[in-house]
All heavy atoms as atom14 arrays in JSON, in Angstrom:
{
  "sequence": "VFATVTCLAVMTCLAGALSGIEKRWKLLVLAAIAGAIAIVYSGSR",
  "atom14_mask": [
    [1, 1, 1, 1, 1, 1, 1, 0, 0, 0, 0, 0, 0, 0],
    [1, 1, 1, 1, 1, 1, 1, 1, 1, 1, 1, 0, 0, 0],
    [1, 1, 1, 1, 1, 0, 0, 0, 0, 0, 0, 0, 0, 0],
    [1, 1, 1, 1, 1, 1, 1, 0, 0, 0, 0, 0, 0, 0],
    [1, 1, 1, 1, 1, 1, 1, 0, 0, 0, 0, 0, 0, 0],
    [1, 1, 1, 1, 1, 1, 1, 0, 0, 0, 0, 0, 0, 0],
    [1, 1, 1, 1, 1, 1, 0, 0, 0, 0, 0, 0, 0, 0],
    [1, 1, 1, 1, 1, 1, 1, 1, 0, 0, 0, 0, 0, 0],
    [1, 1, 1, 1, 1, 0, 0, 0, 0, 0, 0, 0, 0, 0],
    [1, 1, 1, 1, 1, 1, 1, 0, 0, 0, 0, 0, 0, 0],
    [1, 1, 1, 1, 1, 1, 1, 1, 0, 0, 0, 0, 0, 0],
    [1, 1, 1, 1, 1, 1, 1, 0, 0, 0, 0, 0, 0, 0],
    [1, 1, 1, 1, 1, 1, 0, 0, 0, 0, 0, 0, 0, 0],
    [1, 1, 1, 1, 1, 1, 1, 1, 0, 0, 0, 0, 0, 0],
    [1, 1, 1, 1, 1, 0, 0, 0, 0, 0, 0, 0, 0, 0],
    [1, 1, 1, 1, 0, 0, 0, 0, 0, 0, 0, 0, 0, 0],
    [1, 1, 1, 1, 1, 0, 0, 0, 0, 0, 0, 0, 0, 0],
    [1, 1, 1, 1, 1, 1, 1, 1, 0, 0, 0, 0, 0, 0],
    [1, 1, 1, 1, 1, 1, 0, 0, 0, 0, 0, 0, 0, 0],
    [1, 1, 1, 1, 0, 0, 0, 0, 0, 0, 0, 0, 0, 0],
    [1, 1, 1, 1, 1, 1, 1, 1, 0, 0, 0, 0, 0, 0],
    [1, 1, 1, 1, 1, 1, 1, 1, 1, 0, 0, 0, 0, 0],
    [1, 1, 1, 1, 1, 1, 1, 1, 1, 0, 0, 0, 0, 0],
    [1, 1, 1, 1, 1, 1, 1, 1, 1, 1, 1, 0, 0, 0],
    [1, 1, 1, 1, 1, 1, 1, 1, 1, 1, 1, 1, 1, 1],
    [1, 1, 1, 1, 1, 1, 1, 1, 1, 0, 0, 0, 0, 0],
    [1, 1, 1, 1, 1, 1, 1, 1, 0, 0, 0, 0, 0, 0],
    [1, 1, 1, 1, 1, 1, 1, 1, 0, 0, 0, 0, 0, 0],
    [1, 1, 1, 1, 1, 1, 1, 0, 0, 0, 0, 0, 0, 0],
    [1, 1, 1, 1, 1, 1, 1, 1, 0, 0, 0, 0, 0, 0],
    [1, 1, 1, 1, 1, 0, 0, 0, 0, 0, 0, 0, 0, 0],
    [1, 1, 1, 1, 1, 0, 0, 0, 0, 0, 0, 0, 0, 0],
    [1, 1, 1, 1, 1, 1, 1, 1, 0, 0, 0, 0, 0, 0],
    [1, 1, 1, 1, 1, 0, 0, 0, 0, 0, 0, 0, 0, 0],
    [1, 1, 1, 1, 0, 0, 0, 0, 0, 0, 0, 0, 0, 0],
    [1, 1, 1, 1, 1, 0, 0, 0, 0, 0, 0, 0, 0, 0],
    [1, 1, 1, 1, 1, 1, 1, 1, 0, 0, 0, 0, 0, 0],
    [1, 1, 1, 1, 1, 0, 0, 0, 0, 0, 0, 0, 0, 0],
    [1, 1, 1, 1, 1, 1, 1, 1, 0, 0, 0, 0, 0, 0],
    [1, 1, 1, 1, 1, 1, 1, 0, 0, 0, 0, 0, 0, 0],
    [1, 1, 1, 1, 1, 1, 1, 1, 1, 1, 1, 1, 0, 0],
    [1, 1, 1, 1, 1, 1, 0, 0, 0, 0, 0, 0, 0, 0],
    [1, 1, 1, 1, 0, 0, 0, 0, 0, 0, 0, 0, 0, 0],
    [1, 1, 1, 1, 1, 1, 0, 0, 0, 0, 0, 0, 0, 0],
    [1, 1, 1, 1, 1, 1, 1, 1, 1, 1, 1, 0, 0, 0]
  ],
  "atom14_positions": [
    [[0.84, -1.2, 0.0], [0.0, 0.0, 0.0], [0.87, 1.25, 0.0], [0.61, 2.21, -0.74], [-0.94, -0.01, 1.22], [-1.75, 1.28, 1.3], [-1.88, -1.21, 1.16], [0.0, 0.0, 0.0], [0.0, 0.0, 0.0], [0.0, 0.0, 0.0], [0.0, 0.0, 0.0], [0.0, 0.0, 0.0], [0.0, 0.0, 0.0], [0.0, 0.0, 0.0]],
    [[1.91, 1.25, 0.82], [2.84, 2.39, 0.88], [3.46, 2.66, -0.48], [3.52, 3.81, -0.94], [3.92, 2.1, 1.92], [5.04, 3.11, 1.95], [4.82, 4.41, 2.34], [6.33, 2.73, 1.58], [5.86, 5.34, 2.37], [7.38, 3.64, 1.61], [7.15, 4.95, 2.0], [0.0, 0.0, 0.0], [0.0, 0.0, 0.0], [0.0, 0.0, 0.0]],
    [[3.93, 1.61, -1.14], [4.55, 1.78, -2.45], [3.55, 2.3, -3.48], [3.89, 3.15, -4.31], [5.15, 0.46, -2.91], [0.0, 0.0, 0.0], [0.0, 0.0, 0.0], [0.0, 0.0, 0.0], [0.0, 0.0, 0.0], [0.0, 0.0, 0.0], [0.0, 0.0, 0.0], [0.0, 0.0, 0.0], [0.0, 0.0, 0.0], [0.0, 0.0, 0.0]],
    [[2.32, 1.82, -3.42], [1.31, 2.23, -4.39], [1.0, 3.72, -4.29], [1.02, 4.44, -5.28], [0.02, 1.42, -4.19], [0.3, 0.02, -4.33], [-1.04, 1.82, -5.21], [0.0, 0.0, 0.0], [0.0, 0.0, 0.0], [0.0, 0.0, 0.0], [0.0, 0.0, 0.0], [0.0, 0.0, 0.0], [0.0, 0.0, 0.0], [0.0, 0.0, 0.0]],
    [[0.73, 4.18, -3.07], [0.37, 5.59, -2.92], [1.58, 6.5, -3.1], [1.44, 7.64, -3.57], [-0.31, 5.84, -1.56], [-1.63, 5.09, -1.48], [0.58, 5.45, -0.38], [0.0, 0.0, 0.0], [0.0, 0.0, 0.0], [0.0, 0.0, 0.0], [0.0, 0.0, 0.0], [0.0, 0.0, 0.0], [0.0, 0.0, 0.0], [0.0, 0.0, 0.0]],
    [[2.76, 6.01, -2.77], [3.97, 6.81, -3.01], [4.24, 6.94, -4.5], [4.68, 7.99, -4.98], [5.19, 6.19, -2.29], [4.92, 6.09, -0.89], [6.42, 7.06, -2.49], [0.0, 0.0, 0.0], [0.0, 0.0, 0.0], [0.0, 0.0, 0.0], [0.0, 0.0, 0.0], [0.0, 0.0, 0.0], [0.0, 0.0, 0.0], [0.0, 0.0, 0.0]],
    [[3.96, 5.88, -5.24], [4.1, 5.94, -6.69], [3.2, 7.03, -7.28], [3.6, 7.77, -8.18], [3.77, 4.58, -7.31], [3.88, 4.52, -9.12], [0.0, 0.0, 0.0], [0.0, 0.0, 0.0], [0.0, 0.0, 0.0], [0.0, 0.0, 0.0], [0.0, 0.0, 0.0], [0.0, 0.0, 0.0], [0.0, 0.0, 0.0], [0.0, 0.0, 0.0]],
    [[1.99, 7.13, -6.78], [1.07, 8.18, -7.25], [1.64, 9.56, -6.94], [1.55, 10.48, -7.77], [-0.29, 8.01, -6.59], [-1.06, 6.74, -6.94], [-2.38, 6.69, -6.17], [-1.34, 6.66, -8.43], [0.0, 0.0, 0.0], [0.0, 0.0, 0.0], [0.0, 0.0, 0.0], [0.0, 0.0, 0.0], [0.0, 0.0, 0.0], [0.0, 0.0, 0.0]],
    [[2.22, 9.73, -5.75], [2.82, 11.02, -5.39], [4.01, 11.34, -6.29], [4.17, 12.48, -6.75], [3.25, 11.0, -3.92], [0.0, 0.0, 0.0], [0.0, 0.0, 0.0], [0.0, 0.0, 0.0], [0.0, 0.0, 0.0], [0.0, 0.0, 0.0], [0.0, 0.0, 0.0], [0.0, 0.0, 0.0], [0.0, 0.0, 0.0], [0.0, 0.0, 0.0]],
    [[4.83, 10.34, -6.57], [5.99, 10.52, -7.45], [5.54, 10.97, -8.84], [6.09, 11.93, -9.42], [6.8, 9.21, -7.55], [7.83, 9.3, -8.69], [7.5, 8.93, -6.22], [0.0, 0.0, 0.0], [0.0, 0.0, 0.0], [0.0, 0.0, 0.0], [0.0, 0.0, 0.0], [0.0, 0.0, 0.0], [0.0, 0.0, 0.0], [0.0, 0.0, 0.0]],
    [[4.55, 10.3, -9.4], [4.09, 10.63, -10.74], [3.38, 11.99, -10.78], [3.44, 12.69, -11.8], [3.16, 9.55, -11.27], [3.85, 8.22, -11.48], [5.33, 8.4, -12.53], [6.47, 7.3, -11.68], [0.0, 0.0, 0.0], [0.0, 0.0, 0.0], [0.0, 0.0, 0.0], [0.0, 0.0, 0.0], [0.0, 0.0, 0.0], [0.0, 0.0, 0.0]],
    [[2.73, 12.36, -9.69], [2.12, 13.69, -9.63], [3.2, 14.76, -9.67], [3.05, 15.78, -10.35], [1.28, 13.84, -8.35], [0.26, 12.84, -8.34], [0.62, 15.21, -8.28], [0.0, 0.0, 0.0], [0.0, 0.0, 0.0], [0.0, 0.0, 0.0], [0.0, 0.0, 0.0], [0.0, 0.0, 0.0], [0.0, 0.0, 0.0], [0.0, 0.0, 0.0]],
    [[4.3, 14.55, -8.94], [5.42, 15.49, -8.99], [6.02, 15.56, -10.39], [6.31, 16.65, -10.91], [6.49, 15.07, -7.99], [6.03, 15.26, -6.26], [0.0, 0.0, 0.0], [0.0, 0.0, 0.0], [0.0, 0.0, 0.0], [0.0, 0.0, 0.0], [0.0, 0.0, 0.0], [0.0, 0.0, 0.0], [0.0, 0.0, 0.0], [0.0, 0.0, 0.0]],
    [[6.22, 14.4, -11.0], [6.81, 14.37, -12.34], [5.9, 15.05, -13.35], [6.36, 15.85, -14.19], [7.08, 12.92, -12.75], [7.76, 12.7, -14.1], [9.11, 13.38, -14.14], [7.92, 11.21, -14.38], [0.0, 0.0, 0.0], [0.0, 0.0, 0.0], [0.0, 0.0, 0.0], [0.0, 0.0, 0.0], [0.0, 0.0, 0.0], [0.0, 0.0, 0.0]],
    [[4.61, 14.76, -13.28], [3.65, 15.4, -14.19], [3.61, 16.9, -13.95], [3.51, 17.69, -14.91], [2.26, 14.8, -13.99], [0.0, 0.0, 0.0], [0.0, 0.0, 0.0], [0.0, 0.0, 0.0], [0.0, 0.0, 0.0], [0.0, 0.0, 0.0], [0.0, 0.0, 0.0], [0.0, 0.0, 0.0], [0.0, 0.0, 0.0], [0.0, 0.0, 0.0]],
    [[3.69, 17.32, -12.69], [3.69, 18.75, -12.39], [4.93, 19.44, -12.92], [4.85, 20.57, -13.44], [0.0, 0.0, 0.0], [0.0, 0.0, 0.0], [0.0, 0.0, 0.0], [0.0, 0.0, 0.0], [0.0, 0.0, 0.0], [0.0, 0.0, 0.0], [0.0, 0.0, 0.0], [0.0, 0.0, 0.0], [0.0, 0.0, 0.0], [0.0, 0.0, 0.0]],
    [[6.08, 18.78, -12.82], [7.32, 19.38, -13.32], [7.29, 19.54, -14.83], [7.78, 20.54, -15.38], [8.5, 18.51, -12.9], [0.0, 0.0, 0.0], [0.0, 0.0, 0.0], [0.0, 0.0, 0.0], [0.0, 0.0, 0.0], [0.0, 0.0, 0.0], [0.0, 0.0, 0.0], [0.0, 0.0, 0.0], [0.0, 0.0, 0.0], [0.0, 0.0, 0.0]],
    [[6.71, 18.57, -15.53], [6.7, 18.61, -16.99], [5.56, 19.45, -17.55], [5.63, 19.92, -18.68], [6.58, 17.18, -17.54], [7.76, 16.26, -17.23], [7.5, 14.85, -17.76], [9.05, 16.81, -17.81], [0.0, 0.0, 0.0], [0.0, 0.0, 0.0], [0.0, 0.0, 0.0], [0.0, 0.0, 0.0], [0.0, 0.0, 0.0], [0.0, 0.0, 0.0]],
    [[4.51, 19.66, -16.76], [3.35, 20.41, -17.26], [3.59, 21.91, -17.3], [2.93, 22.63, -18.05], [2.13, 20.12, -16.37], [2.32, 20.67, -15.07], [0.0, 0.0, 0.0], [0.0, 0.0, 0.0], [0.0, 0.0, 0.0], [0.0, 0.0, 0.0], [0.0, 0.0, 0.0], [0.0, 0.0, 0.0], [0.0, 0.0, 0.0], [0.0, 0.0, 0.0]],
    [[4.52, 22.4, -16.47], [4.74, 23.84, -16.39], [3.81, 24.56, -15.44], [3.9, 25.77, -15.29], [0.0, 0.0, 0.0], [0.0, 0.0, 0.0], [0.0, 0.0, 0.0], [0.0, 0.0, 0.0], [0.0, 0.0, 0.0], [0.0, 0.0, 0.0], [0.0, 0.0, 0.0], [0.0, 0.0, 0.0], [0.0, 0.0, 0.0], [0.0, 0.0, 0.0]],
    [[2.92, 23.82, -14.77], [1.98, 24.46, -13.84], [2.74, 25.04, -12.65], [2.46, 26.14, -12.2], [0.93, 23.43, -13.36], [0.08, 22.97, -14.53], [0.05, 24.02, -12.26], [-0.88, 21.83, -14.18], [0.0, 0.0, 0.0], [0.0, 0.0, 0.0], [0.0, 0.0, 0.0], [0.0, 0.0, 0.0], [0.0, 0.0, 0.0], [0.0, 0.0, 0.0]],
    [[3.68, 24.28, -12.14], [4.5, 24.74, -11.02], [5.91, 25.02, -11.54], [6.54, 24.16, -12.13], [4.54, 23.66, -9.92], [5.45, 23.98, -8.77], [5.11, 25.28, -8.07], [3.92, 25.5, -7.77], [6.03, 26.08, -7.84], [0.0, 0.0, 0.0], [0.0, 0.0, 0.0], [0.0, 0.0, 0.0], [0.0, 0.0, 0.0], [0.0, 0.0, 0.0]],
    [[6.4, 26.25, -11.31], [7.67, 26.67, -11.89], [8.89, 26.06, -11.21], [9.96, 25.98, -11.8], [7.77, 28.2, -11.83], [6.64, 28.93, -12.55], [6.53, 28.5, -14.0], [5.38, 29.23, -14.71], [5.2, 28.74, -16.1], [0.0, 0.0, 0.0], [0.0, 0.0, 0.0], [0.0, 0.0, 0.0], [0.0, 0.0, 0.0], [0.0, 0.0, 0.0]],
    [[8.72, 25.63, -9.96], [9.88, 25.08, -9.23], [10.09, 23.61, -9.62], [9.97, 22.69, -8.79], [9.64, 25.23, -7.73], [9.69, 26.68, -7.26], [9.19, 26.84, -5.83], [7.75, 26.7, -5.74], [7.04, 26.91, -4.63], [7.65, 27.27, -3.53], [5.73, 26.75, -4.63], [0.0, 0.0, 0.0], [0.0, 0.0, 0.0], [0.0, 0.0, 0.0]],
    [[10.41, 23.39, -10.88], [10.47, 22.04, -11.4], [11.62, 21.23, -10.8], [11.54, 20.01, -10.66], [10.56, 22.05, -12.92], [11.82, 22.66, -13.47], [12.01, 23.96, -13.81], [13.05, 21.98, -13.74], [13.29, 24.15, -14.27], [13.94, 22.94, -14.26], [13.48, 20.66, -13.62], [15.24, 22.64, -14.62], [14.78, 20.34, -13.98], [15.64, 21.33, -14.5]],
    [[12.71, 21.91, -10.43], [13.85, 21.19, -9.85], [13.46, 20.57, -8.51], [13.86, 19.45, -8.2], [15.04, 22.13, -9.68], [15.64, 22.6, -11.0], [16.82, 23.53, -10.78], [17.39, 24.0, -12.11], [18.54, 24.95, -11.91], [0.0, 0.0, 0.0], [0.0, 0.0, 0.0], [0.0, 0.0, 0.0], [0.0, 0.0, 0.0], [0.0, 0.0, 0.0]],
    [[12.69, 21.31, -7.72], [12.21, 20.78, -6.45], [11.31, 19.56, -6.68], [11.4, 18.57, -5.95], [11.44, 21.86, -5.69], [10.75, 21.42, -4.38], [11.8, 21.01, -3.35], [9.87, 22.54, -3.84], [0.0, 0.0, 0.0], [0.0, 0.0, 0.0], [0.0, 0.0, 0.0], [0.0, 0.0, 0.0], [0.0, 0.0, 0.0], [0.0, 0.0, 0.0]],
    [[10.46, 19.63, -7.71], [9.56, 18.52, -8.0], [10.32, 17.28, -8.46], [9.97, 16.16, -8.08], [8.54, 18.94, -9.06], [7.66, 20.16, -8.74], [6.64, 20.38, -9.84], [6.98, 20.0, -7.4], [0.0, 0.0, 0.0], [0.0, 0.0, 0.0], [0.0, 0.0, 0.0], [0.0, 0.0, 0.0], [0.0, 0.0, 0.0], [0.0, 0.0, 0.0]],
    [[11.33, 17.48, -9.27], [12.15, 16.35, -9.72], [12.87, 15.71, -8.55], [12.95, 14.48, -8.43], [13.14, 16.8, -10.81], [14.13, 15.68, -11.13], [12.39, 17.23, -12.07], [0.0, 0.0, 0.0], [0.0, 0.0, 0.0], [0.0, 0.0, 0.0], [0.0, 0.0, 0.0], [0.0, 0.0, 0.0], [0.0, 0.0, 0.0], [0.0, 0.0, 0.0]],
    [[13.4, 16.56, -7.66], [14.09, 16.04, -6.47], [13.11, 15.25, -5.6], [13.46, 14.18, -5.07], [14.69, 17.2, -5.69], [15.55, 16.82, -4.46], [16.74, 15.99, -4.9], [16.01, 18.08, -3.73], [0.0, 0.0, 0.0], [0.0, 0.0, 0.0], [0.0, 0.0, 0.0], [0.0, 0.0, 0.0], [0.0, 0.0, 0.0], [0.0, 0.0, 0.0]],
    [[11.89, 15.76, -5.46], [10.87, 15.05, -4.67], [10.53, 13.71, -5.32], [10.36, 12.69, -4.62], [9.62, 15.91, -4.54], [0.0, 0.0, 0.0], [0.0, 0.0, 0.0], [0.0, 0.0, 0.0], [0.0, 0.0, 0.0], [0.0, 0.0, 0.0], [0.0, 0.0, 0.0], [0.0, 0.0, 0.0], [0.0, 0.0, 0.0], [0.0, 0.0, 0.0]],
    [[10.41, 13.69, -6.65], [10.1, 12.44, -7.35], [11.2, 11.41, -7.13], [10.92, 10.22, -6.93], [9.91, 12.72, -8.84], [0.0, 0.0, 0.0], [0.0, 0.0, 0.0], [0.0, 0.0, 0.0], [0.0, 0.0, 0.0], [0.0, 0.0, 0.0], [0.0, 0.0, 0.0], [0.0, 0.0, 0.0], [0.0, 0.0, 0.0], [0.0, 0.0, 0.0]],
    [[12.45, 11.85, -7.14], [13.57, 10.94, -6.88], [13.49, 10.4, -5.45], [13.7, 9.2, -5.21], [14.91, 11.66, -7.13], [15.06, 12.0, -8.62], [16.07, 10.79, -6.66], [16.26, 12.86, -8.93], [0.0, 0.0, 0.0], [0.0, 0.0, 0.0], [0.0, 0.0, 0.0], [0.0, 0.0, 0.0], [0.0, 0.0, 0.0], [0.0, 0.0, 0.0]],
    [[13.19, 11.29, -4.51], [13.06, 10.87, -3.11], [11.97, 9.81, -2.96], [12.15, 8.79, -2.29], [12.75, 12.08, -2.23], [0.0, 0.0, 0.0], [0.0, 0.0, 0.0], [0.0, 0.0, 0.0], [0.0, 0.0, 0.0], [0.0, 0.0, 0.0], [0.0, 0.0, 0.0], [0.0, 0.0, 0.0], [0.0, 0.0, 0.0], [0.0, 0.0, 0.0]],
    [[10.83, 10.06, -3.59], [9.74, 9.1, -3.52], [10.1, 7.77, -4.17], [9.72, 6.69, -3.67], [0.0, 0.0, 0.0], [0.0, 0.0, 0.0], [0.0, 0.0, 0.0], [0.0, 0.0, 0.0], [0.0, 0.0, 0.0], [0.0, 0.0, 0.0], [0.0, 0.0, 0.0], [0.0, 0.0, 0.0], [0.0, 0.0, 0.0], [0.0, 0.0, 0.0]],
    [[10.83, 7.83, -5.29], [11.24, 6.59, -5.97], [12.16, 5.76, -5.09], [12.07, 4.53, -5.07], [11.92, 6.94, -7.3], [0.0, 0.0, 0.0], [0.0, 0.0, 0.0], [0.0, 0.0, 0.0], [0.0, 0.0, 0.0], [0.0, 0.0, 0.0], [0.0, 0.0, 0.0], [0.0, 0.0, 0.0], [0.0, 0.0, 0.0], [0.0, 0.0, 0.0]],
    [[13.05, 6.42, -4.36], [13.93, 5.69, -3.45], [13.11, 5.03, -2.34], [13.37, 3.88, -1.94], [14.98, 6.64, -2.85], [15.91, 7.17, -3.96], [15.81, 5.94, -1.77], [16.87, 8.26, -3.5], [0.0, 0.0, 0.0], [0.0, 0.0, 0.0], [0.0, 0.0, 0.0], [0.0, 0.0, 0.0], [0.0, 0.0, 0.0], [0.0, 0.0, 0.0]],
    [[12.11, 5.75, -1.84], [11.23, 5.17, -0.81], [10.53, 3.92, -1.34], [10.36, 2.93, -0.61], [10.21, 6.21, -0.36], [0.0, 0.0, 0.0], [0.0, 0.0, 0.0], [0.0, 0.0, 0.0], [0.0, 0.0, 0.0], [0.0, 0.0, 0.0], [0.0, 0.0, 0.0], [0.0, 0.0, 0.0], [0.0, 0.0, 0.0], [0.0, 0.0, 0.0]],
    [[10.12, 3.96, -2.6], [9.47, 2.79, -3.2], [10.44, 1.61, -3.28], [10.06, 0.45, -3.03], [8.93, 3.15, -4.6], [7.78, 4.15, -4.48], [8.46, 1.9, -5.34], [7.34, 4.73, -5.81], [0.0, 0.0, 0.0], [0.0, 0.0, 0.0], [0.0, 0.0, 0.0], [0.0, 0.0, 0.0], [0.0, 0.0, 0.0], [0.0, 0.0, 0.0]],
    [[11.7, 1.88, -3.6], [12.69, 0.81, -3.63], [12.81, 0.17, -2.25], [12.84, -1.06, -2.1], [14.05, 1.35, -4.1], [15.14, 0.28, -3.93], [13.98, 1.79, -5.56], [0.0, 0.0, 0.0], [0.0, 0.0, 0.0], [0.0, 0.0, 0.0], [0.0, 0.0, 0.0], [0.0, 0.0, 0.0], [0.0, 0.0, 0.0], [0.0, 0.0, 0.0]],
    [[12.84, 1.0, -1.21], [12.95, 0.48, 0.16], [11.71, -0.31, 0.57], [11.79, -1.11, 1.5], [13.18, 1.62, 1.14], [14.59, 2.15, 1.17], [14.86, 3.51, 1.12], [15.67, 1.28, 1.28], [16.15, 4.0, 1.15], [16.97, 1.75, 1.31], [17.21, 3.12, 1.25], [18.49, 3.58, 1.28], [0.0, 0.0, 0.0], [0.0, 0.0, 0.0]],
    [[10.59, -0.09, -0.08], [9.39, -0.85, 0.27], [9.49, -2.32, -0.16], [8.79, -3.17, 0.37], [8.16, -0.23, -0.39], [8.11, -0.53, -1.78], [0.0, 0.0, 0.0], [0.0, 0.0, 0.0], [0.0, 0.0, 0.0], [0.0, 0.0, 0.0], [0.0, 0.0, 0.0], [0.0, 0.0, 0.0], [0.0, 0.0, 0.0], [0.0, 0.0, 0.0]],
    [[10.32, -2.58, -1.16], [10.48, -3.94, -1.65], [9.29, -4.46, -2.43], [9.17, -5.68, -2.64], [0.0, 0.0, 0.0], [0.0, 0.0, 0.0], [0.0, 0.0, 0.0], [0.0, 0.0, 0.0], [0.0, 0.0, 0.0], [0.0, 0.0, 0.0], [0.0, 0.0, 0.0], [0.0, 0.0, 0.0], [0.0, 0.0, 0.0], [0.0, 0.0, 0.0]],
    [[8.41, -3.57, -2.88], [7.2, -3.98, -3.61], [7.51, -4.1, -5.09], [7.52, -3.11, -5.83], [6.07, -2.96, -3.37], [5.76, -2.88, -2.0], [0.0, 0.0, 0.0], [0.0, 0.0, 0.0], [0.0, 0.0, 0.0], [0.0, 0.0, 0.0], [0.0, 0.0, 0.0], [0.0, 0.0, 0.0], [0.0, 0.0, 0.0], [0.0, 0.0, 0.0]],
    [[7.74, -5.32, -5.52], [8.29, -5.54, -6.87], [7.33, -5.11, -7.98], [7.77, -4.63, -9.02], [8.67, -7.02, -7.02], [9.85, -7.42, -6.14], [10.16, -8.89, -6.24], [9.11, -9.71, -5.69], [9.28, -10.61, -4.72], [10.48, -10.77, -4.18], [8.28, -11.34, -4.28], [0.0, 0.0, 0.0], [0.0, 0.0, 0.0], [0.0, 0.0, 0.0]]
  ]
}
């Protein structure tokens, strides 16, 4: 469950960075990377 909802948060950040809606795209990319690492630690293949 943790990995699933974190994946949604990661993709929301990535979509936001690429859409241009939020100008702080570097922060969003960094957040997406952080979330992706958390998903790796979840072990949810």
